[in-house]
Amino acid sequence: MIHVRPANSEDYPRVLELITELAIFEKEPDAVEVTVEELQYHASTKPPLFTCFVGEYDGKVEGIALCYPRFSTWKGKTIHLEDLIVTEKMRGKGLGKALYDRVLTHAQEQKVKRVEWVVLEWNKNAVEFYESTGATIIPGWHLAQMDGTSLAEYLGK
């Protein structure tokens, strides 16, 4: 029933649908700017900018996990799990765990020293799931971002 595999070029329209579904779930329905073409392009560069795994349930893509390499000045080579998305109707069926396990296996294959990701504190199901696997939710750290407009304004000063 569940099959996890690397995404191929034909998967990216569905990948974008799932990214949009996640944005709606996270109460940011208008935040997605990336296009199918950008996803396809950046997945196919040498080296690719990211790795995307798709999770199929009964032959239909119902989830994704997208991760990419990072470098920590404290740890060295790491992987960042950008998004792990499972359609609402498929939650609780093991697809999310299968995708999570695939990313962690990928990280181990890459011989990284750490895998990290961000989880919204109000997403109690996700927090509990990650903690149940041995992940640490780090208190006292805040996510900081600067969008393109803020970047241009700051550098233009």
N, C-alpha and C. Protein backbone atom coordinates (compact mmCIF):
# COMPACT_ATOMS: atom_id res chain seq x y z
N MET A 1 0.81 -1.20 0.00
CA MET A 1 0.00 0.00 0.00
C MET A 1 0.86 1.27 0.00
N ILE A 2 1.91 1.32 0.87
CA ILE A 2 2.77 2.50 0.97
C ILE A 2 4.07 2.22 0.23
N HIS A 3 4.45 3.19 -0.60
CA HIS A 3 5.72 3.10 -1.33
C HIS A 3 6.35 4.49 -1.34
N VAL A 4 7.61 4.58 -0.92
CA VAL A 4 8.35 5.84 -0.93
C VAL A 4 9.47 5.71 -1.95
N ARG A 5 9.61 6.74 -2.78
CA ARG A 5 10.63 6.73 -3.82
C ARG A 5 11.08 8.16 -4.10
N PRO A 6 12.23 8.31 -4.76
CA PRO A 6 12.65 9.66 -5.17
C PRO A 6 11.65 10.22 -6.19
N ALA A 7 11.40 11.51 -6.08
CA ALA A 7 10.51 12.17 -7.04
C ALA A 7 11.16 12.21 -8.41
N ASN A 8 10.34 12.16 -9.45
CA ASN A 8 10.83 12.37 -10.80
C ASN A 8 10.17 13.63 -11.36
N SER A 9 10.60 14.06 -12.51
CA SER A 9 10.14 15.32 -13.10
C SER A 9 8.61 15.38 -13.22
N GLU A 10 7.99 14.26 -13.53
CA GLU A 10 6.53 14.23 -13.70
C GLU A 10 5.79 14.39 -12.38
N ASP A 11 6.46 14.18 -11.26
CA ASP A 11 5.82 14.29 -9.95
C ASP A 11 5.63 15.73 -9.49
N TYR A 12 6.37 16.68 -10.06
CA TYR A 12 6.41 18.01 -9.47
C TYR A 12 5.10 18.79 -9.52
N PRO A 13 4.21 18.59 -10.49
CA PRO A 13 2.90 19.24 -10.36
C PRO A 13 2.17 18.79 -9.08
N ARG A 14 2.24 17.50 -8.78
CA ARG A 14 1.61 16.99 -7.55
C ARG A 14 2.37 17.47 -6.31
N VAL A 15 3.69 17.54 -6.39
CA VAL A 15 4.49 18.05 -5.28
C VAL A 15 4.04 19.47 -4.95
N LEU A 16 3.86 20.31 -5.97
CA LEU A 16 3.42 21.68 -5.75
C LEU A 16 2.02 21.72 -5.14
N GLU A 17 1.14 20.84 -5.55
CA GLU A 17 -0.20 20.77 -4.93
C GLU A 17 -0.08 20.49 -3.44
N LEU A 18 0.81 19.58 -3.08
CA LEU A 18 0.98 19.23 -1.67
C LEU A 18 1.64 20.36 -0.89
N ILE A 19 2.57 21.07 -1.50
CA ILE A 19 3.17 22.25 -0.86
C ILE A 19 2.09 23.29 -0.57
N THR A 20 1.20 23.48 -1.53
CA THR A 20 0.10 24.43 -1.36
C THR A 20 -0.84 23.97 -0.26
N GLU A 21 -1.12 22.66 -0.20
CA GLU A 21 -1.97 22.12 0.86
C GLU A 21 -1.34 22.39 2.23
N LEU A 22 -0.02 22.23 2.33
CA LEU A 22 0.67 22.51 3.59
C LEU A 22 0.55 23.99 3.95
N ALA A 23 0.72 24.86 2.98
CA ALA A 23 0.60 26.30 3.25
C ALA A 23 -0.78 26.64 3.80
N ILE A 24 -1.80 26.03 3.26
CA ILE A 24 -3.16 26.25 3.76
C ILE A 24 -3.27 25.73 5.19
N PHE A 25 -2.75 24.53 5.46
CA PHE A 25 -2.78 23.95 6.80
C PHE A 25 -2.05 24.85 7.80
N GLU A 26 -0.95 25.47 7.37
CA GLU A 26 -0.17 26.33 8.24
C GLU A 26 -0.67 27.77 8.25
N LYS A 27 -1.87 27.97 7.70
CA LYS A 27 -2.55 29.27 7.73
C LYS A 27 -1.81 30.35 6.94
N GLU A 28 -1.15 29.93 5.86
CA GLU A 28 -0.43 30.83 4.96
C GLU A 28 -0.82 30.51 3.51
N PRO A 29 -2.12 30.59 3.18
CA PRO A 29 -2.57 30.11 1.86
C PRO A 29 -1.98 30.84 0.66
N ASP A 30 -1.51 32.06 0.84
CA ASP A 30 -0.98 32.83 -0.29
C ASP A 30 0.54 32.91 -0.30
N ALA A 31 1.20 32.12 0.53
CA ALA A 31 2.65 32.24 0.69
C ALA A 31 3.46 31.51 -0.39
N VAL A 32 2.88 30.55 -1.07
CA VAL A 32 3.64 29.73 -2.03
C VAL A 32 3.90 30.53 -3.31
N GLU A 33 5.18 30.71 -3.63
CA GLU A 33 5.57 31.42 -4.84
C GLU A 33 6.29 30.52 -5.83
N VAL A 34 6.84 29.41 -5.35
CA VAL A 34 7.61 28.52 -6.21
C VAL A 34 6.71 27.93 -7.30
N THR A 35 7.30 27.62 -8.44
CA THR A 35 6.55 27.04 -9.56
C THR A 35 7.00 25.61 -9.81
N VAL A 36 6.20 24.89 -10.58
CA VAL A 36 6.57 23.54 -10.99
C VAL A 36 7.89 23.58 -11.74
N GLU A 37 8.05 24.55 -12.61
CA GLU A 37 9.27 24.66 -13.41
C GLU A 37 10.50 24.88 -12.53
N GLU A 38 10.36 25.71 -11.50
CA GLU A 38 11.49 25.93 -10.58
C GLU A 38 11.84 24.65 -9.84
N LEU A 39 10.83 23.94 -9.38
CA LEU A 39 11.07 22.67 -8.69
C LEU A 39 11.80 21.70 -9.61
N GLN A 40 11.30 21.56 -10.83
CA GLN A 40 11.92 20.63 -11.77
C GLN A 40 13.36 21.04 -12.08
N TYR A 41 13.58 22.33 -12.29
CA TYR A 41 14.92 22.81 -12.61
C TYR A 41 15.90 22.54 -11.46
N HIS A 42 15.54 22.97 -10.26
CA HIS A 42 16.46 22.85 -9.13
C HIS A 42 16.65 21.40 -8.67
N ALA A 43 15.71 20.55 -9.01
CA ALA A 43 15.87 19.12 -8.70
C ALA A 43 16.82 18.45 -9.68
N SER A 44 17.02 19.08 -10.84
CA SER A 44 17.83 18.43 -11.89
C SER A 44 19.19 19.07 -12.09
N THR A 45 19.53 20.12 -11.34
CA THR A 45 20.86 20.71 -11.48
C THR A 45 21.90 19.73 -10.94
N LYS A 46 23.14 19.95 -11.29
CA LYS A 46 24.23 19.09 -10.82
C LYS A 46 25.15 19.88 -9.91
N PRO A 47 25.20 19.64 -8.63
CA PRO A 47 24.32 18.73 -7.89
C PRO A 47 22.94 19.35 -7.72
N PRO A 48 21.94 18.52 -7.47
CA PRO A 48 20.59 19.07 -7.26
C PRO A 48 20.54 19.92 -6.00
N LEU A 49 19.69 20.93 -6.01
CA LEU A 49 19.56 21.83 -4.86
C LEU A 49 18.87 21.13 -3.69
N PHE A 50 18.05 20.13 -3.99
CA PHE A 50 17.33 19.42 -2.94
C PHE A 50 17.05 17.99 -3.39
N THR A 51 16.65 17.18 -2.44
CA THR A 51 16.18 15.83 -2.69
C THR A 51 14.72 15.78 -2.27
N CYS A 52 13.89 15.23 -3.12
CA CYS A 52 12.47 15.10 -2.81
C CYS A 52 12.06 13.64 -2.91
N PHE A 53 11.43 13.15 -1.86
CA PHE A 53 10.86 11.81 -1.87
C PHE A 53 9.36 11.95 -1.92
N VAL A 54 8.72 11.09 -2.69
CA VAL A 54 7.26 11.07 -2.72
C VAL A 54 6.78 9.79 -2.05
N GLY A 55 5.67 9.94 -1.36
CA GLY A 55 5.05 8.81 -0.70
C GLY A 55 3.76 8.46 -1.42
N GLU A 56 3.71 7.25 -1.94
CA GLU A 56 2.51 6.79 -2.64
C GLU A 56 1.70 5.89 -1.72
N TYR A 57 0.40 6.03 -1.81
CA TYR A 57 -0.52 5.14 -1.11
C TYR A 57 -1.47 4.60 -2.17
N ASP A 58 -1.45 3.31 -2.34
CA ASP A 58 -2.24 2.67 -3.39
C ASP A 58 -1.96 3.30 -4.76
N GLY A 59 -0.68 3.62 -5.02
CA GLY A 59 -0.26 4.11 -6.32
C GLY A 59 -0.45 5.59 -6.57
N LYS A 60 -1.00 6.35 -5.58
CA LYS A 60 -1.21 7.79 -5.75
C LYS A 60 -0.30 8.55 -4.79
N VAL A 61 0.36 9.60 -5.30
CA VAL A 61 1.23 10.41 -4.46
C VAL A 61 0.37 11.18 -3.47
N GLU A 62 0.56 10.84 -2.18
CA GLU A 62 -0.23 11.44 -1.10
C GLU A 62 0.65 12.15 -0.08
N GLY A 63 1.97 12.17 -0.33
CA GLY A 63 2.86 12.85 0.59
C GLY A 63 4.22 13.07 -0.02
N ILE A 64 4.95 14.02 0.55
CA ILE A 64 6.32 14.30 0.10
C ILE A 64 7.19 14.63 1.30
N ALA A 65 8.47 14.46 1.12
CA ALA A 65 9.48 14.96 2.06
C ALA A 65 10.58 15.57 1.21
N LEU A 66 10.88 16.83 1.47
CA LEU A 66 11.88 17.56 0.71
C LEU A 66 12.99 18.00 1.67
N CYS A 67 14.23 17.64 1.32
CA CYS A 67 15.35 17.98 2.20
C CYS A 67 16.53 18.46 1.35
N TYR A 68 17.49 19.07 2.00
CA TYR A 68 18.67 19.55 1.28
C TYR A 68 19.86 19.61 2.22
N PRO A 69 21.08 19.59 1.66
CA PRO A 69 22.29 19.63 2.48
C PRO A 69 22.53 21.02 3.07
N ARG A 70 23.10 21.01 4.26
CA ARG A 70 23.52 22.25 4.93
C ARG A 70 24.88 21.98 5.56
N PHE A 71 25.48 23.03 6.03
CA PHE A 71 26.74 22.88 6.73
C PHE A 71 26.66 23.61 8.05
N SER A 72 26.97 22.93 9.12
CA SER A 72 27.00 23.52 10.45
C SER A 72 28.43 23.80 10.85
N THR A 73 28.70 25.01 11.32
CA THR A 73 30.06 25.32 11.79
C THR A 73 30.40 24.52 13.04
N TRP A 74 29.41 24.02 13.74
CA TRP A 74 29.67 23.22 14.94
C TRP A 74 29.76 21.74 14.62
N LYS A 75 28.93 21.26 13.68
CA LYS A 75 28.82 19.82 13.45
C LYS A 75 29.42 19.36 12.13
N GLY A 76 29.43 20.22 11.13
CA GLY A 76 29.86 19.82 9.80
C GLY A 76 28.65 19.56 8.91
N LYS A 77 28.72 18.51 8.13
CA LYS A 77 27.69 18.19 7.14
C LYS A 77 26.37 17.81 7.83
N THR A 78 25.29 18.51 7.44
CA THR A 78 23.96 18.23 7.99
C THR A 78 22.94 18.22 6.86
N ILE A 79 21.74 17.81 7.19
CA ILE A 79 20.61 17.86 6.25
C ILE A 79 19.46 18.61 6.92
N HIS A 80 18.83 19.46 6.15
CA HIS A 80 17.64 20.17 6.62
C HIS A 80 16.41 19.56 5.94
N LEU A 81 15.47 19.12 6.75
CA LEU A 81 14.18 18.65 6.24
C LEU A 81 13.28 19.86 6.12
N GLU A 82 13.07 20.32 4.91
CA GLU A 82 12.28 21.53 4.68
C GLU A 82 10.80 21.28 4.93
N ASP A 83 10.27 20.24 4.33
CA ASP A 83 8.84 19.94 4.50
C ASP A 83 8.60 18.44 4.46
N LEU A 84 7.73 18.01 5.33
CA LEU A 84 7.18 16.66 5.29
C LEU A 84 5.68 16.86 5.26
N ILE A 85 5.06 16.47 4.17
CA ILE A 85 3.65 16.76 3.93
C ILE A 85 2.91 15.46 3.61
N VAL A 86 1.79 15.27 4.26
CA VAL A 86 0.90 14.15 3.94
C VAL A 86 -0.50 14.75 3.83
N THR A 87 -1.23 14.35 2.79
CA THR A 87 -2.58 14.88 2.63
C THR A 87 -3.40 14.59 3.89
N GLU A 88 -4.32 15.48 4.17
CA GLU A 88 -5.11 15.36 5.39
C GLU A 88 -5.81 14.00 5.48
N LYS A 89 -6.36 13.53 4.38
CA LYS A 89 -7.10 12.26 4.42
C LYS A 89 -6.21 11.05 4.67
N MET A 90 -4.89 11.20 4.48
CA MET A 90 -3.97 10.07 4.63
C MET A 90 -3.21 10.09 5.96
N ARG A 91 -3.44 11.11 6.77
CA ARG A 91 -2.72 11.18 8.05
C ARG A 91 -3.15 10.04 8.95
N GLY A 92 -2.18 9.49 9.67
CA GLY A 92 -2.46 8.39 10.59
C GLY A 92 -2.37 7.01 9.96
N LYS A 93 -1.98 6.93 8.71
CA LYS A 93 -1.90 5.65 8.01
C LYS A 93 -0.46 5.14 7.86
N GLY A 94 0.50 5.89 8.38
CA GLY A 94 1.90 5.46 8.32
C GLY A 94 2.70 6.06 7.19
N LEU A 95 2.07 6.85 6.34
CA LEU A 95 2.78 7.43 5.20
C LEU A 95 3.80 8.47 5.66
N GLY A 96 3.42 9.32 6.61
CA GLY A 96 4.34 10.32 7.13
C GLY A 96 5.56 9.69 7.77
N LYS A 97 5.35 8.64 8.54
CA LYS A 97 6.47 7.94 9.18
C LYS A 97 7.37 7.31 8.12
N ALA A 98 6.79 6.76 7.08
CA ALA A 98 7.59 6.16 6.00
C ALA A 98 8.46 7.22 5.31
N LEU A 99 7.89 8.40 5.07
CA LEU A 99 8.66 9.49 4.46
C LEU A 99 9.75 9.98 5.40
N TYR A 100 9.42 10.14 6.67
CA TYR A 100 10.37 10.57 7.69
C TYR A 100 11.53 9.58 7.78
N ASP A 101 11.19 8.29 7.83
CA ASP A 101 12.22 7.26 7.89
C ASP A 101 13.12 7.30 6.66
N ARG A 102 12.54 7.60 5.50
CA ARG A 102 13.34 7.65 4.26
C ARG A 102 14.33 8.82 4.30
N VAL A 103 13.88 9.96 4.81
CA VAL A 103 14.79 11.11 4.93
C VAL A 103 15.92 10.78 5.91
N LEU A 104 15.59 10.16 7.03
CA LEU A 104 16.62 9.82 8.01
C LEU A 104 17.60 8.78 7.45
N THR A 105 17.09 7.84 6.67
CA THR A 105 17.97 6.87 6.01
C THR A 105 18.88 7.58 5.01
N HIS A 106 18.31 8.49 4.24
CA HIS A 106 19.08 9.29 3.29
C HIS A 106 20.18 10.06 4.02
N ALA A 107 19.85 10.64 5.16
CA ALA A 107 20.83 11.39 5.95
C ALA A 107 21.95 10.47 6.42
N GLN A 108 21.59 9.30 6.87
CA GLN A 108 22.60 8.34 7.33
C GLN A 108 23.49 7.91 6.16
N GLU A 109 22.89 7.69 5.00
CA GLU A 109 23.66 7.34 3.80
C GLU A 109 24.64 8.45 3.43
N GLN A 110 24.24 9.70 3.67
CA GLN A 110 25.08 10.85 3.36
C GLN A 110 26.12 11.12 4.45
N LYS A 111 26.06 10.33 5.52
CA LYS A 111 27.00 10.44 6.64
C LYS A 111 26.98 11.84 7.27
N VAL A 112 25.78 12.35 7.50
CA VAL A 112 25.66 13.66 8.12
C VAL A 112 25.75 13.53 9.64
N LYS A 113 26.03 14.64 10.27
CA LYS A 113 26.14 14.68 11.73
C LYS A 113 24.84 15.09 12.40
N ARG A 114 23.90 15.64 11.60
CA ARG A 114 22.65 16.11 12.19
C ARG A 114 21.60 16.27 11.09
N VAL A 115 20.36 16.03 11.46
CA VAL A 115 19.21 16.35 10.63
C VAL A 115 18.39 17.34 11.44
N GLU A 116 17.95 18.40 10.81
CA GLU A 116 17.14 19.38 11.54
C GLU A 116 15.98 19.87 10.69
N TRP A 117 14.98 20.39 11.37
CA TRP A 117 13.79 20.90 10.73
C TRP A 117 13.07 21.82 11.69
N VAL A 118 12.04 22.48 11.21
CA VAL A 118 11.24 23.39 12.00
C VAL A 118 9.85 22.79 12.11
N VAL A 119 9.27 22.88 13.30
CA VAL A 119 7.90 22.42 13.50
C VAL A 119 7.16 23.52 14.27
N LEU A 120 5.96 23.82 13.82
CA LEU A 120 5.15 24.84 14.49
C LEU A 120 4.71 24.32 15.85
N GLU A 121 4.84 25.16 16.89
CA GLU A 121 4.54 24.69 18.24
C GLU A 121 3.06 24.32 18.40
N TRP A 122 2.19 24.92 17.62
CA TRP A 122 0.77 24.58 17.74
C TRP A 122 0.42 23.26 17.05
N ASN A 123 1.34 22.72 16.26
CA ASN A 123 1.10 21.44 15.59
C ASN A 123 1.48 20.31 16.56
N LYS A 124 0.64 20.12 17.55
CA LYS A 124 0.93 19.18 18.65
C LYS A 124 1.14 17.75 18.15
N ASN A 125 0.37 17.32 17.14
CA ASN A 125 0.55 15.96 16.62
C ASN A 125 1.96 15.77 16.07
N ALA A 126 2.45 16.77 15.32
CA ALA A 126 3.80 16.68 14.76
C ALA A 126 4.85 16.72 15.87
N VAL A 127 4.68 17.62 16.83
CA VAL A 127 5.64 17.73 17.93
C VAL A 127 5.72 16.40 18.68
N GLU A 128 4.57 15.83 19.01
CA GLU A 128 4.54 14.55 19.73
C GLU A 128 5.17 13.43 18.90
N PHE A 129 4.87 13.41 17.60
CA PHE A 129 5.46 12.39 16.74
C PHE A 129 6.99 12.50 16.75
N TYR A 130 7.52 13.71 16.50
CA TYR A 130 8.96 13.88 16.43
C TYR A 130 9.62 13.51 17.77
N GLU A 131 9.02 13.95 18.87
CA GLU A 131 9.59 13.61 20.17
C GLU A 131 9.57 12.10 20.41
N SER A 132 8.54 11.42 19.92
CA SER A 132 8.45 9.97 20.11
C SER A 132 9.54 9.21 19.36
N THR A 133 10.15 9.87 18.37
CA THR A 133 11.22 9.22 17.60
C THR A 133 12.60 9.55 18.16
N GLY A 134 12.65 10.35 19.21
CA GLY A 134 13.92 10.72 19.81
C GLY A 134 14.43 12.09 19.40
N ALA A 135 13.66 12.82 18.59
CA ALA A 135 14.07 14.16 18.19
C ALA A 135 13.90 15.11 19.37
N THR A 136 14.73 16.13 19.40
CA THR A 136 14.66 17.15 20.44
C THR A 136 14.04 18.41 19.85
N ILE A 137 13.00 18.91 20.50
CA ILE A 137 12.42 20.21 20.13
C ILE A 137 13.17 21.23 20.99
N ILE A 138 13.89 22.12 20.38
CA ILE A 138 14.82 22.99 21.10
C ILE A 138 14.11 24.27 21.57
N PRO A 139 13.93 24.40 22.87
CA PRO A 139 13.32 25.63 23.39
C PRO A 139 14.33 26.78 23.35
N GLY A 140 13.83 27.98 23.25
CA GLY A 140 14.69 29.14 23.31
C GLY A 140 15.29 29.57 21.99
N TRP A 141 15.06 28.82 20.94
CA TRP A 141 15.56 29.20 19.63
C TRP A 141 14.39 29.76 18.83
N HIS A 142 14.65 30.79 18.08
CA HIS A 142 13.60 31.40 17.26
C HIS A 142 14.04 31.36 15.80
N LEU A 143 13.11 31.06 14.94
CA LEU A 143 13.36 31.07 13.51
C LEU A 143 13.39 32.52 13.02
N ALA A 144 14.42 32.87 12.28
CA ALA A 144 14.52 34.21 11.71
C ALA A 144 14.54 34.10 10.19
N GLN A 145 13.86 35.02 9.54
CA GLN A 145 13.81 35.03 8.07
C GLN A 145 13.84 36.47 7.58
N MET A 146 14.29 36.63 6.35
CA MET A 146 14.21 37.91 5.68
C MET A 146 13.75 37.65 4.26
N ASP A 147 12.59 38.19 3.89
CA ASP A 147 12.08 37.96 2.54
C ASP A 147 12.79 38.91 1.57
N GLY A 148 12.49 38.72 0.28
CA GLY A 148 13.16 39.51 -0.76
C GLY A 148 12.96 41.00 -0.62
N THR A 149 11.77 41.42 -0.24
CA THR A 149 11.49 42.84 -0.06
C THR A 149 12.31 43.41 1.09
N SER A 150 12.32 42.70 2.21
CA SER A 150 13.10 43.16 3.37
C SER A 150 14.59 43.17 3.05
N LEU A 151 15.05 42.17 2.32
CA LEU A 151 16.44 42.11 1.92
C LEU A 151 16.83 43.33 1.09
N ALA A 152 16.00 43.64 0.09
CA ALA A 152 16.27 44.79 -0.78
C ALA A 152 16.23 46.11 0.02
N GLU A 153 15.25 46.23 0.91
CA GLU A 153 15.16 47.44 1.73
C GLU A 153 16.38 47.60 2.64
N TYR A 154 16.78 46.52 3.28
CA TYR A 154 17.92 46.58 4.20
C TYR A 154 19.20 46.93 3.43
N LEU A 155 19.46 46.24 2.33
CA LEU A 155 20.68 46.48 1.58
C LEU A 155 20.67 47.82 0.86
N GLY A 156 19.48 48.36 0.62
CA GLY A 156 19.36 49.64 -0.06
C GLY A 156 19.59 50.84 0.86
N LYS A 157 19.67 50.59 2.15
CA LYS A 157 19.86 51.70 3.11
C LYS A 157 21.25 52.27 3.04
